[in-house]
Protein backbone atom coordinates (compact mmCIF):
# COMPACT_ATOMS: atom_id res chain seq x y z
CA MET A 1 0.65 9.73 -45.57
CA ALA A 2 -0.78 10.26 -48.95
CA VAL A 3 -0.14 11.13 -52.63
CA ARG A 4 -2.62 13.13 -54.62
CA LEU A 5 -4.10 11.31 -57.65
CA ARG A 6 -6.15 12.78 -60.58
CA THR A 7 -8.87 10.38 -62.02
CA SER A 8 -10.31 10.34 -65.52
CA ASN A 9 -12.93 12.41 -64.52
CA ASP A 10 -10.45 15.19 -62.95
CA THR A 11 -11.55 14.73 -59.53
CA GLU A 12 -8.71 14.40 -57.18
CA GLN A 13 -8.30 11.52 -54.73
CA ARG A 14 -5.44 10.75 -52.46
CA TYR A 15 -3.41 7.56 -52.46
CA ARG A 16 -3.16 6.72 -48.91
CA TRP A 17 -0.08 4.62 -49.11
CA ALA A 18 0.76 4.28 -45.63
CA GLN A 19 -2.22 3.07 -43.17
CA THR A 20 -2.54 1.72 -39.77
CA GLY A 21 -3.26 -1.95 -41.47
CA ASP A 22 0.32 -1.58 -42.85
CA ILE A 23 1.67 -2.45 -39.37
CA ASN A 24 -0.17 -5.66 -39.45
CA ALA A 25 0.97 -6.47 -42.90
CA PHE A 26 4.53 -5.58 -42.33
CA PHE A 27 4.94 -7.73 -39.22
CA GLY A 28 3.29 -10.31 -41.34
CA LEU A 29 5.45 -10.30 -44.46
CA MET A 30 8.67 -9.34 -42.63
CA LEU A 31 8.49 -12.10 -39.92
CA ASP A 32 8.09 -14.74 -42.59
CA ASN A 33 10.98 -13.52 -44.44
CA ILE A 34 13.38 -13.45 -41.44
CA ALA A 35 12.10 -16.83 -40.64
CA GLY A 36 12.83 -17.96 -44.07
CA LEU A 37 16.40 -16.71 -43.91
CA LEU A 38 17.03 -18.38 -40.52
CA LEU A 39 15.30 -21.81 -41.79
CA MET A 40 17.95 -21.79 -44.68
CA VAL A 41 21.02 -21.40 -42.17
CA GLY A 42 19.33 -23.82 -39.61
CA LEU A 43 18.80 -26.40 -42.26
CA LEU A 44 22.39 -26.01 -43.67
CA THR A 45 24.19 -26.31 -40.33
CA GLY A 46 22.26 -29.70 -40.29
CA PHE A 47 24.56 -30.86 -43.07
CA GLY A 48 27.52 -29.77 -40.84
CA PHE A 49 27.95 -26.64 -42.99
CA PRO A 50 29.63 -23.70 -41.26
CA ALA A 51 27.04 -21.09 -40.23
CA GLU A 52 29.29 -18.13 -40.18
CA PHE A 53 30.08 -18.76 -43.82
CA ALA A 54 26.17 -19.11 -44.80
CA VAL A 55 25.36 -15.82 -42.93
CA SER A 56 28.52 -13.82 -44.25
CA ALA A 57 28.33 -15.30 -47.76
CA MET A 58 24.80 -16.60 -48.63
CA VAL A 59 22.11 -14.52 -46.45
CA PRO A 60 23.26 -11.17 -47.64
CA GLY A 61 22.67 -11.80 -51.47
CA THR A 62 19.45 -13.48 -50.67
CA ALA A 63 18.22 -10.82 -48.48
CA LEU A 64 19.19 -8.38 -51.01
CA GLY A 65 16.86 -10.19 -53.60
CA VAL A 66 13.98 -9.19 -51.05
CA LEU A 67 14.91 -5.88 -50.98
CA VAL A 68 14.91 -5.15 -54.47
CA GLY A 69 11.94 -6.84 -55.29
CA ASP A 70 9.82 -5.42 -52.49
CA LEU A 71 11.17 -1.86 -53.45
CA ALA A 72 9.94 -2.62 -56.91
CA PHE A 73 6.46 -3.73 -55.92
CA PHE A 74 6.20 -0.47 -53.80
CA PHE A 75 6.60 1.60 -56.75
CA LEU A 76 4.32 -0.69 -58.92
CA ALA A 77 1.62 0.15 -56.39
CA PHE A 78 1.94 4.00 -56.87
CA ARG A 79 2.01 3.41 -60.46
CA LEU A 80 -1.45 1.31 -60.44
CA ALA A 81 -2.83 3.77 -58.03
CA LYS A 82 -2.15 6.77 -60.67
CA GLN A 83 -3.29 4.67 -63.58
CA THR A 84 -6.62 3.64 -61.79
CA GLY A 85 -7.24 6.88 -59.51
CA ARG A 86 -7.92 4.46 -56.70
CA SER A 87 -6.70 5.33 -53.19
CA ASP A 88 -7.01 1.85 -51.75
CA VAL A 89 -4.37 -0.08 -54.00
CA THR A 90 -2.34 -2.84 -52.08
CA ALA A 91 1.27 -3.65 -53.16
CA MET A 92 2.26 -7.03 -54.21
CA PRO A 93 4.11 -8.78 -51.22
CA LEU A 94 7.37 -10.59 -52.22
CA GLY A 95 9.77 -12.78 -50.35
CA LEU A 96 11.87 -15.78 -50.05
CA ASP A 97 10.29 -18.86 -51.74
CA THR A 98 9.48 -21.28 -49.02
CA PRO A 99 9.34 -24.58 -50.93
CA SER A 100 12.81 -23.55 -52.63
CA THR A 101 14.17 -22.89 -49.15
CA PHE A 102 13.26 -26.58 -48.19
CA GLY A 103 14.28 -28.08 -51.70
CA ILE A 104 17.52 -26.43 -52.59
CA VAL A 105 19.01 -26.91 -49.30
CA LEU A 106 17.89 -30.25 -48.81
CA PHE A 107 18.57 -31.61 -52.41
CA VAL A 108 21.20 -29.34 -53.66
CA LEU A 109 23.19 -27.34 -51.10
CA GLY A 110 23.44 -29.91 -48.27
CA PRO A 111 24.23 -32.92 -50.64
CA SER A 112 26.65 -30.88 -52.84
CA PHE A 113 28.63 -29.76 -49.49
CA LEU A 114 28.80 -33.64 -48.32
CA GLN A 115 29.96 -34.53 -51.79
CA GLY A 116 32.61 -31.76 -51.34
CA ARG A 117 33.77 -33.27 -48.19
CA ALA A 118 33.84 -36.81 -49.54
CA MET A 119 36.20 -35.48 -52.26
CA GLY A 120 38.65 -34.64 -49.58
CA LEU A 121 38.02 -31.09 -49.54
CA ASP A 122 38.37 -29.24 -46.23
CA GLU A 123 35.31 -27.44 -44.63
CA THR A 124 35.83 -24.07 -46.22
CA GLU A 125 36.56 -25.18 -49.77
CA ALA A 126 33.60 -27.64 -49.57
CA ALA A 127 31.37 -24.74 -48.38
CA LEU A 128 32.95 -22.60 -51.21
CA ARG A 129 32.11 -25.14 -53.95
CA THR A 130 28.51 -25.49 -52.35
CA TRP A 131 28.23 -21.58 -52.69
CA HIS A 132 29.17 -21.51 -56.00
CA ILE A 133 26.52 -24.24 -57.12
CA GLY A 134 24.04 -22.42 -55.34
CA ILE A 135 24.70 -19.15 -57.08
CA TRP A 136 24.41 -20.84 -60.33
CA CYS A 137 21.03 -22.43 -59.46
CA VAL A 138 19.41 -18.95 -58.68
CA VAL A 139 21.09 -17.34 -61.69
CA MET A 140 19.55 -19.96 -64.00
CA SER A 141 16.07 -19.93 -62.14
CA GLY A 142 16.16 -15.86 -62.70
CA LEU A 143 17.16 -16.37 -66.40
CA LEU A 144 14.22 -18.93 -67.01
CA LYS A 145 11.61 -16.88 -65.15
CA LEU A 146 12.68 -13.79 -67.24
CA ALA A 147 12.38 -15.87 -70.36
CA LEU A 148 8.73 -17.04 -69.45
CA ALA A 149 7.78 -13.55 -68.26
CA PRO A 150 6.30 -12.34 -71.77
CA PHE A 151 4.04 -15.33 -71.65
CA THR A 152 2.49 -15.10 -68.47
CA GLU A 153 -0.41 -12.71 -69.14
CA TRP A 154 -1.57 -15.03 -71.96
CA VAL A 155 -1.47 -17.77 -69.34
CA ARG A 156 -3.65 -15.71 -66.87
CA ARG A 157 -6.27 -15.27 -69.69
CA VAL A 158 -6.46 -18.72 -70.83
CA VAL A 159 -6.26 -20.66 -67.45
CA PRO A 160 -9.64 -20.41 -65.57
CA ARG A 161 -9.64 -18.93 -61.96
CA ALA A 162 -10.53 -22.31 -60.86
CA GLY A 163 -7.28 -23.67 -61.80
CA LEU A 164 -5.19 -20.45 -60.71
CA LEU A 165 -6.82 -19.87 -57.56
CA GLY A 166 -7.32 -23.81 -56.79
CA SER A 167 -3.70 -24.17 -56.67
CA LEU A 168 -3.41 -21.12 -54.75
CA ALA A 169 -5.83 -22.47 -52.09
CA ALA A 170 -4.18 -25.76 -51.97
CA ILE A 171 -0.80 -24.20 -50.89
CA ALA A 172 -2.48 -21.78 -48.62
CA LEU A 173 -4.18 -24.56 -46.62
CA VAL A 174 -1.16 -26.79 -46.51
CA LEU A 175 1.98 -24.57 -46.42
CA ILE A 176 0.76 -21.61 -45.06
CA SER A 177 -2.06 -22.71 -42.39
CA PHE A 178 -1.56 -26.30 -41.43
CA LEU A 179 2.43 -26.64 -41.05
CA PRO A 180 2.56 -23.47 -38.70
CA LEU A 181 0.30 -25.16 -36.25
CA THR A 182 2.87 -27.73 -35.22
CA GLU A 183 5.15 -24.84 -33.94
CA ILE A 184 2.14 -22.94 -32.62
CA LEU A 185 0.51 -25.76 -30.67
CA GLY A 186 3.96 -27.10 -29.81
CA HIS A 187 3.81 -24.16 -27.35
CA PRO A 188 0.04 -24.40 -26.97
CA LEU A 189 -0.18 -21.48 -24.07
CA PRO A 190 1.33 -18.58 -25.89
CA GLY A 191 0.59 -20.10 -29.39
CA MET A 192 -3.26 -20.57 -28.77
CA LEU A 193 -3.56 -16.98 -27.32
CA ALA A 194 -1.77 -15.53 -30.20
CA LEU A 195 -3.88 -17.62 -32.71
CA VAL A 196 -7.16 -16.43 -30.89
CA ILE A 197 -6.00 -12.83 -30.99
CA VAL A 198 -5.01 -12.80 -34.66
CA LEU A 199 -8.00 -14.61 -35.92
CA THR A 200 -10.39 -12.39 -33.69
CA ALA A 201 -8.83 -9.05 -34.71
CA LEU A 202 -8.28 -9.74 -38.26
CA LEU A 203 -11.23 -12.04 -39.38
CA GLY A 204 -13.64 -10.82 -36.74
CA ARG A 205 -12.73 -7.39 -37.21
CA ILE A 206 -12.89 -6.78 -33.50
CA PRO A 207 -10.33 -4.19 -32.50
CA LEU A 208 -7.81 -4.50 -29.68
CA PRO A 209 -7.90 -1.85 -26.81
CA GLY A 210 -6.34 1.32 -27.99
CA ARG A 211 -6.93 0.15 -31.59
CA THR A 212 -3.64 -1.82 -31.43
CA PRO A 213 -2.93 -3.86 -34.55
CA GLY A 214 -3.91 -7.79 -34.22
CA THR A 215 -0.62 -8.85 -35.15
CA LEU A 216 1.26 -6.55 -32.73
CA GLY A 217 -1.29 -7.43 -30.19
CA ALA A 218 -0.59 -11.15 -30.46
CA LEU A 219 3.27 -10.60 -30.44
CA ILE A 220 2.84 -8.52 -27.10
CA VAL A 221 0.77 -11.03 -25.20
CA ALA A 222 2.12 -13.98 -26.63
CA GLY A 223 5.57 -12.84 -25.83
CA ILE A 224 4.85 -11.68 -22.46
CA VAL A 225 3.40 -15.27 -21.70
CA PHE A 226 6.30 -17.17 -23.61
CA TYR A 227 8.90 -15.38 -21.53
CA LEU A 228 6.80 -15.84 -18.11
CA MET A 229 6.86 -19.62 -19.08
CA CYS A 230 10.49 -19.60 -19.46
CA ALA A 231 11.04 -17.96 -16.16
CA LEU A 232 8.89 -20.68 -14.33
CA PRO A 233 10.57 -23.83 -13.51
CA GLY A 234 9.45 -27.43 -14.95
CA THR A 235 7.60 -25.77 -17.94
CA GLY A 236 9.99 -27.10 -20.39
CA TYR A 237 10.53 -23.50 -21.90
CA GLU A 238 13.92 -22.11 -22.00
CA PHE A 239 15.20 -18.53 -22.46
CA PRO A 240 16.77 -18.19 -26.24
CA THR A 241 20.53 -17.65 -26.25
CA ALA A 242 21.80 -14.56 -27.57
CA PRO A 243 23.46 -15.00 -30.92
CA GLN A 244 27.19 -14.15 -31.32
CA TRP A 245 27.77 -10.64 -32.93
CA VAL A 246 29.83 -10.86 -36.22
CA GLU A 247 31.10 -8.10 -38.36
CA TYR A 248 29.18 -9.08 -41.54
CA PHE A 249 29.39 -5.74 -43.92
CA PRO A 250 31.47 -5.67 -45.90
CA SER A 251 31.84 -9.37 -46.14
CA GLN A 252 32.16 -12.60 -48.24
CA TRP A 253 28.88 -11.92 -50.44
CA MET A 254 30.72 -9.26 -52.16
CA GLU A 255 33.14 -11.91 -53.62
CA ALA A 256 30.41 -13.13 -55.78
CA TRP A 257 30.64 -10.25 -58.14
CA GLN A 258 34.16 -11.29 -58.91
CA PHE A 259 32.40 -14.17 -60.99
CA LYS A 260 34.51 -17.05 -59.75
CA TRP A 261 31.49 -19.26 -59.35
CA ILE A 262 31.29 -19.04 -63.18
CA ALA A 263 34.06 -22.07 -62.98
CA ALA A 264 31.79 -24.19 -61.13
CA TRP A 265 29.55 -24.97 -64.14
CA ASP A 266 30.42 -28.53 -64.47
CA ASP A 267 29.89 -29.15 -60.75
CA ALA A 268 26.23 -27.25 -60.84
CA LEU A 269 25.07 -28.96 -63.89
CA ALA A 270 23.87 -31.88 -62.27
CA TYR A 271 22.06 -29.92 -59.83
CA LEU A 272 20.27 -27.79 -62.29
CA PRO A 273 17.34 -30.33 -62.97
CA ILE A 274 16.30 -30.07 -59.42
CA ALA A 275 16.51 -26.43 -59.32
CA VAL A 276 14.40 -25.58 -62.48
CA PRO A 277 11.14 -27.09 -61.41
CA PHE A 278 11.12 -24.67 -58.38
CA ALA A 279 11.56 -21.80 -60.68
CA ILE A 280 8.87 -23.16 -62.94
CA ALA A 281 6.54 -23.49 -60.06
CA THR A 282 7.27 -19.84 -58.91
CA VAL A 283 6.31 -18.56 -62.34
CA VAL A 284 3.02 -20.18 -61.98
CA GLY A 285 2.72 -18.86 -58.28
CA GLY A 286 3.40 -15.66 -59.63
CA VAL A 287 0.43 -15.77 -62.00
CA ASP A 288 -1.84 -17.43 -59.36
CA CYS A 289 -0.42 -14.33 -56.98
CA THR A 290 -1.64 -11.97 -59.81
CA GLU A 291 -4.91 -13.46 -60.37
CA SER A 292 -5.54 -13.49 -56.71
CA ALA A 293 -4.86 -9.44 -56.34
CA ALA A 294 -6.92 -8.94 -59.50
CA ALA A 295 -9.72 -10.77 -57.57
CA ALA A 296 -9.35 -8.57 -54.61
CA GLY A 297 -9.43 -5.50 -56.93
CA ASP A 298 -5.88 -4.73 -57.76
CA ARG A 299 -5.12 -5.80 -61.47
CA TYR A 300 -1.44 -5.91 -61.79
CA ASP A 301 0.12 -7.00 -65.15
CA THR A 302 1.25 -10.47 -65.03
CA ARG A 303 4.33 -10.00 -67.15
CA THR A 304 5.60 -7.19 -65.01
CA VAL A 305 5.21 -8.92 -61.87
CA ILE A 306 6.94 -12.01 -63.04
CA GLY A 307 9.86 -9.79 -64.59
CA VAL A 308 10.45 -8.27 -61.21
CA GLU A 309 10.43 -11.42 -59.56
CA ALA A 310 13.12 -12.52 -62.08
CA ILE A 311 15.44 -9.51 -61.83
CA ALA A 312 15.25 -9.76 -58.05
CA THR A 313 16.11 -13.30 -58.27
CA LEU A 314 18.98 -12.47 -60.74
CA LEU A 315 20.20 -9.85 -58.56
CA ALA A 316 20.30 -12.13 -55.61
CA GLY A 317 22.35 -14.97 -57.54
CA PHE A 318 24.76 -12.31 -58.76
CA SER A 319 25.17 -11.09 -55.09
CA GLY A 320 25.86 -14.77 -53.63
CA GLY A 321 22.16 -15.46 -52.68
CA VAL A 322 21.02 -19.08 -52.94
CA ILE A 323 17.40 -18.81 -52.40
CA GLN A 324 15.12 -17.41 -55.11
CA THR A 325 12.28 -14.68 -54.46
CA THR A 326 8.75 -15.00 -55.42
CA PRO A 327 5.64 -12.85 -55.35
CA TYR A 328 3.78 -14.14 -51.92
CA ILE A 329 0.25 -15.43 -52.25
CA GLY A 330 -1.11 -13.24 -49.36
CA HIS A 331 -2.11 -10.19 -51.24
CA PRO A 332 -5.91 -10.54 -50.43
CA ALA A 333 -4.93 -11.17 -46.80
CA TYR A 334 -2.54 -8.15 -46.48
CA LYS A 335 -5.40 -6.07 -48.36
CA ALA A 336 -7.97 -7.40 -45.66
CA MET A 337 -5.55 -6.15 -43.06
CA GLY A 338 -5.73 -2.64 -44.34
CA GLY A 339 -2.20 -2.74 -45.91
CA ARG A 340 -1.28 -0.56 -48.78
CA ALA A 341 2.37 0.07 -49.79
CA ALA A 342 4.20 1.19 -47.03
CA TYR A 343 4.30 -2.56 -45.65
CA THR A 344 6.21 -3.73 -48.53
CA LEU A 345 8.74 -0.74 -48.10
CA GLY A 346 9.27 -1.49 -44.45
CA THR A 347 9.96 -5.17 -45.33
CA ALA A 348 12.31 -4.23 -48.31
CA LEU A 349 14.31 -1.96 -45.76
CA LEU A 350 14.42 -4.32 -42.66
CA VAL A 351 14.81 -7.61 -44.44
CA GLY A 352 17.50 -6.16 -46.77
CA SER A 353 19.46 -4.37 -43.83
CA ALA A 354 18.97 -7.43 -41.70
CA GLY A 355 20.76 -9.91 -44.22
CA LEU A 356 23.29 -7.21 -45.39
CA VAL A 357 24.34 -6.25 -41.64
CA GLY A 358 23.60 -9.76 -39.96
CA TYR A 359 21.31 -8.47 -37.16
CA PHE A 360 18.38 -10.72 -38.28
CA ALA A 361 19.74 -13.47 -35.90
CA TRP A 362 18.98 -11.27 -32.99
CA LEU A 363 15.28 -10.72 -34.15
CA ASN A 364 14.82 -14.42 -34.40
CA ALA A 365 16.39 -15.38 -31.33
CA TYR A 366 14.26 -13.05 -29.25
CA ILE A 367 10.62 -13.09 -31.21
CA PRO A 368 9.00 -16.32 -30.03
CA ALA A 369 7.75 -18.26 -32.87
CA PRO A 370 4.34 -19.21 -31.70
CA ALA A 371 3.67 -15.49 -31.21
CA VAL A 372 4.28 -14.89 -34.89
CA TYR A 373 3.17 -18.02 -36.67
CA PRO A 374 -0.59 -17.52 -36.24
CA ILE A 375 -0.32 -14.57 -38.75
CA LEU A 376 0.46 -17.32 -41.26
CA VAL A 377 -2.52 -19.19 -40.45
CA PHE A 378 -4.69 -15.99 -41.07
CA VAL A 379 -3.15 -15.45 -44.49
CA GLY A 380 -3.88 -18.91 -45.56
CA LEU A 381 -7.51 -18.99 -44.60
CA GLU A 382 -7.90 -15.52 -46.16
CA ILE A 383 -6.30 -16.87 -49.22
CA THR A 384 -8.63 -19.92 -49.42
CA ALA A 385 -11.79 -18.13 -48.65
CA GLN A 386 -10.90 -15.73 -51.49
CA SER A 387 -10.31 -18.47 -53.96
CA PHE A 388 -13.75 -19.69 -53.38
CA LEU A 389 -15.26 -16.23 -53.56
CA ALA A 390 -13.62 -15.18 -56.68
CA THR A 391 -14.65 -18.36 -58.50
CA PRO A 392 -17.84 -19.07 -60.15
CA ARG A 393 -20.15 -21.51 -57.92
CA ARG A 394 -20.22 -24.26 -60.70
CA HIS A 395 -16.25 -24.69 -60.53
CA TYR A 396 -16.20 -24.86 -56.66
CA PRO A 397 -15.71 -28.82 -57.11
CA ALA A 398 -12.63 -28.10 -59.62
CA VAL A 399 -11.10 -25.70 -56.49
CA ALA A 400 -11.75 -28.56 -54.09
CA MET A 401 -9.95 -31.10 -56.42
CA ALA A 402 -6.80 -28.65 -56.64
CA CYS A 403 -6.33 -29.47 -52.95
CA LEU A 404 -5.89 -33.04 -53.23
CA PRO A 405 -2.17 -33.20 -54.54
CA ALA A 406 -1.37 -30.60 -51.89
CA LEU A 407 -2.69 -33.14 -49.43
CA ALA A 408 -0.30 -35.73 -50.63
CA PHE A 409 2.50 -33.27 -50.00
CA LEU A 410 1.20 -32.87 -46.53
CA ALA A 411 0.74 -36.78 -46.11
CA MET A 412 4.45 -37.04 -47.21
CA ASN A 413 5.87 -34.37 -45.04
CA LEU A 414 6.48 -36.24 -41.91
CA PRO A 415 7.45 -39.57 -43.28
CA GLY A 416 9.66 -37.76 -45.91
CA ARG A 417 11.61 -36.07 -43.06
CA MET A 418 11.68 -39.02 -41.23
CA PHE A 419 13.33 -41.34 -43.73
CA GLY A 420 15.74 -38.50 -44.36
CA ASP A 421 16.74 -38.61 -41.08
CA GLY A 422 20.43 -39.38 -40.60
CA ALA A 423 20.24 -42.22 -38.24
CA LEU A 424 17.70 -43.95 -40.46
CA MET A 425 19.70 -43.18 -43.47
CA GLU A 426 22.88 -44.54 -41.90
CA ALA A 427 20.94 -47.84 -41.10
CA GLY A 428 19.92 -48.23 -44.62
CA ILE A 429 16.19 -47.77 -43.64
CA GLY A 430 13.93 -46.21 -46.36
CA PRO A 431 10.65 -46.82 -47.90
CA GLY A 432 12.11 -49.71 -50.18
CA THR A 433 13.32 -51.68 -46.96
CA LEU A 434 9.70 -51.88 -45.56
CA GLN A 435 8.43 -55.24 -44.97
CA ASP A 436 4.93 -53.94 -45.79
CA LYS A 437 5.29 -53.88 -49.63
CA ALA A 438 1.81 -52.35 -49.98
CA LEU A 439 2.81 -49.51 -47.55
CA ALA A 440 6.13 -49.10 -49.36
CA GLU A 441 3.99 -48.90 -52.79
CA ASN A 442 1.59 -46.48 -51.23
CA ILE A 443 4.35 -44.21 -50.05
CA LYS A 444 5.90 -44.18 -53.42
CA THR A 445 2.63 -43.25 -55.11
CA MET A 446 1.92 -40.49 -52.62
CA SER A 447 5.53 -39.24 -53.38
CA MET A 448 4.75 -39.05 -56.92
CA LEU A 449 1.52 -37.40 -56.58
CA SER A 450 3.16 -34.80 -54.26
CA SER A 451 6.07 -34.04 -56.54
CA GLY A 452 5.28 -30.81 -58.48
CA PHE A 453 1.91 -30.66 -56.74
CA ILE A 454 1.24 -26.80 -57.65
CA LEU A 455 1.29 -27.78 -61.17
CA THR A 456 -0.77 -30.84 -60.78
CA SER A 457 -3.24 -28.80 -58.74
CA LEU A 458 -3.76 -26.34 -61.52
CA LEU A 459 -3.78 -28.99 -64.15
CA TRP A 460 -6.47 -30.94 -62.49
CA ALA A 461 -8.50 -27.97 -61.56
CA TRP A 462 -8.13 -26.50 -65.18
CA SER A 463 -9.39 -29.82 -66.68
CA LEU A 464 -12.45 -30.37 -64.13
CA ALA A 465 -13.51 -26.82 -64.77
CA ALA A 466 -13.23 -27.15 -68.55
CA ALA A 467 -15.36 -30.55 -68.16
CA ILE A 468 -17.97 -28.45 -65.95
CA ASP A 469 -18.28 -25.88 -68.88
CA ARG A 470 -18.69 -28.88 -71.41
CA ARG A 471 -15.52 -28.05 -73.14
CA LEU A 472 -14.35 -31.28 -73.39
CA MET A 473 -11.86 -31.09 -75.99
CA LEU A 474 -9.99 -28.37 -74.01
CA ALA A 475 -10.15 -30.86 -71.01
CA ALA A 476 -8.43 -33.44 -73.17
CA LYS A 477 -5.80 -30.98 -74.30
CA VAL A 478 -4.99 -30.20 -70.49
CA MET A 479 -4.68 -34.12 -69.99
CA LEU A 480 -2.28 -34.28 -72.71
CA LEU A 481 -0.24 -31.55 -71.45
CA ALA A 482 -0.14 -33.41 -68.06
CA ALA A 483 0.97 -36.53 -69.80
CA VAL A 484 4.15 -34.59 -71.50
CA MET A 485 5.04 -33.02 -68.16
CA THR A 486 4.84 -36.16 -66.54
CA LEU A 487 7.31 -37.82 -69.14
CA PHE A 488 10.03 -35.26 -68.01
CA GLY A 489 9.54 -35.23 -64.09
CA ILE A 490 7.99 -31.43 -64.23
CA ILE A 491 5.08 -33.14 -62.28
CA HIS A 492 5.03 -36.89 -60.73
CA SER A 493 8.77 -37.13 -60.36
CA PRO A 494 9.73 -40.10 -58.62
CA LEU A 495 13.27 -38.96 -58.06
CA ALA A 496 14.32 -37.07 -54.77
CA GLY A 497 13.94 -33.23 -54.95
CA ASN A 498 11.47 -33.30 -57.74
CA GLN A 499 14.23 -33.78 -60.16
CA LEU A 500 13.62 -33.56 -64.13
CA PHE A 501 14.59 -36.46 -66.22
CA MET A 502 14.72 -38.09 -69.62
CA PRO A 503 12.53 -41.26 -69.88
CA TRP A 504 15.12 -42.63 -72.34
CA GLY A 505 18.53 -41.87 -73.12
CA PRO A 506 22.28 -43.14 -73.11
CA GLU A 507 23.94 -44.40 -69.84
CA SER A 508 26.14 -41.31 -70.32
CA TRP A 509 23.32 -38.84 -69.17
CA GLY A 510 23.80 -40.47 -65.66
CA ASN A 511 20.87 -39.37 -63.06
CA LEU A 512 18.95 -37.92 -65.78
CA VAL A 513 17.93 -41.33 -67.18
CA LEU A 514 15.42 -43.29 -65.04
CA ASP A 515 16.04 -46.81 -63.76
CA GLU A 516 13.72 -49.60 -65.06
CA GLU A 517 11.25 -49.33 -62.19
CA ASN A 518 10.89 -45.68 -61.87
CA ARG A 519 10.51 -45.74 -65.63
CA ARG A 520 7.61 -48.24 -65.60
CA ARG A 521 5.80 -45.70 -62.80
CA VAL A 522 6.33 -42.72 -64.90
CA LEU A 523 4.99 -44.37 -68.11
CA GLU A 524 1.88 -45.53 -66.46
CA PHE A 525 1.28 -42.13 -65.03
CA ALA A 526 1.63 -40.61 -68.50
CA ALA A 527 -0.51 -43.31 -70.14
CA GLY A 528 -3.16 -42.73 -67.78
CA TYR A 529 -3.20 -38.99 -68.40
CA PHE A 530 -2.77 -39.84 -72.36
CA ALA A 531 -5.76 -42.26 -72.23
CA SER A 532 -7.72 -39.81 -70.33
CA ALA A 533 -7.21 -37.34 -73.22
CA ILE A 534 -8.44 -39.59 -76.07
CA LEU A 535 -11.44 -40.53 -73.81
CA LEU A 536 -12.50 -37.02 -73.30
CA ALA A 537 -11.75 -36.01 -77.09
CA ALA A 538 -13.95 -38.74 -78.38
CA TRP A 539 -16.71 -37.98 -75.95
CA SER A 540 -16.61 -34.21 -77.21
CA PHE A 541 -18.33 -35.62 -80.37
CA TYR A 542 -21.06 -37.19 -78.39
CA GLY A 543 -24.06 -35.45 -79.67
CA ARG A 544 -25.66 -34.84 -76.22
CA VAL A 545 -22.90 -32.99 -74.43
CA GLY A 546 -25.23 -30.21 -74.18
CA ASP A 547 -24.76 -26.41 -73.69
CA PRO A 548 -22.35 -25.05 -70.74
CA ILE A 549 -23.65 -25.03 -67.41
CA ILE A 550 -24.54 -21.30 -66.47
CA ASP A 551 -24.47 -20.21 -62.71
CA GLU A 552 -27.99 -18.81 -61.66
CA HIS A 553 -26.25 -15.35 -61.13
CA GLU A 554 -23.23 -15.73 -63.58
CA HIS A 555 -21.16 -12.73 -63.30
CA ASP A 556 -17.22 -11.94 -63.20
CA VAL A 557 -16.74 -11.90 -59.67
CA VAL A 558 -14.50 -9.24 -58.23
CA VAL A 559 -14.34 -9.40 -54.47
CA HIS A 560 -13.11 -6.23 -52.28
CA VAL A 561 -11.82 -7.47 -49.03
């Protein structure tokens, strides 16, 4: 399918908004979002939260945000194609924010539900209170993103690509490429087959018989093998259980528009410091994504991208959604698949209808995870490669350095989940109860390094890139900014859920004020940044700093993949 465009020299081109590659891209983006919805429900039920309430009240609004956002990006692709006269424009992808899915459920929704039960509320009343707190968190996140949107294009101009794309590479390697491997290799026979098919077809560009898209081919082959393993005795594989069909539409989610959740402001206030950092992270991620798309040849306006993200998040909240939407960082990968705009349209319609009607549970039940997770590995690898290709060679160490805070997040993933297990928590076992005090101290340090790692990655890479360019005063300013962010927990928060705080304040502020031990840690982190800023600023006056390093073939790299 195509739409005629007229370029500046009056020659007609055709915007081919629907290509074969959109099938690959659709499966990747759609399955990622469906998995996110079910992850949310699964994590909630682990707290004893009623699954039917989550599906009928929380999921529809959350999916509606994806519907609105991806439709908007679909039309933005047409506008960019018309403005540039190019026929190969790829739409920006949008979906549920994965870090928020984990963070909001584990540190806001789950604890607030348990708190409601401890207050003597029955299951339904506690679920309703939790829902209203979640709505407040998403609405406030949307308002914050809307307020920050006008300034994002300036951020994109000021921060070097090593900072923006370096933090992107860190997310790609840790969250998108590595973590899915546990599910893929947990079922190694179908998982490895799917991984080999996806990487060979999409990275090696070797077509499957009948020119079957790589993602679809992996789903078919690995799916068949998975169900064959289910049929064989003694393999440990089990056929999935069919979900119970429930009539979801119209359902409880529409009650959000009665605005009864406004009365829950006092309950929600204690949880907003946890939600705000996730909103800030998606703004930074949105800037990263826009820069990544520009490096791949599609120059969207950053303010518009963040504005769409903010409005989609707001509509999700007003409709009862509890997880924010965000631009996905896989634009170069979807472009490499041959995706144009149809894949976002298909994702919007399927995820939106699946959430509103409720049939998404059937998709998740019968599509084996090891058959679809390899697409995430491909997306992560493609983004990481793009981050280096679109960055000046002299800044490669800065991109690599941006990955270090993400590695801390990865290192804390398993012990964090272990110490959060109900059995250990009931037994009073945590990092502070370990006999090896050095180990406990290392875990605490690693936890602080991983807290807000997206922003930390950006700041570290930005500062190092500035130093490489002999701009020591700029590097000092970045270090000073990091010190200020540390003082309020935007990065390096020692509190659960990356919670913001005040370093000093009256006891009436409760959890917003740090205890003595955590205050000591935070102040020393901030002092380290502050001292580094003074050092770099003084160093900048040294007469032998020299001229900036210039790459042998210096140019503004734009890579079309």
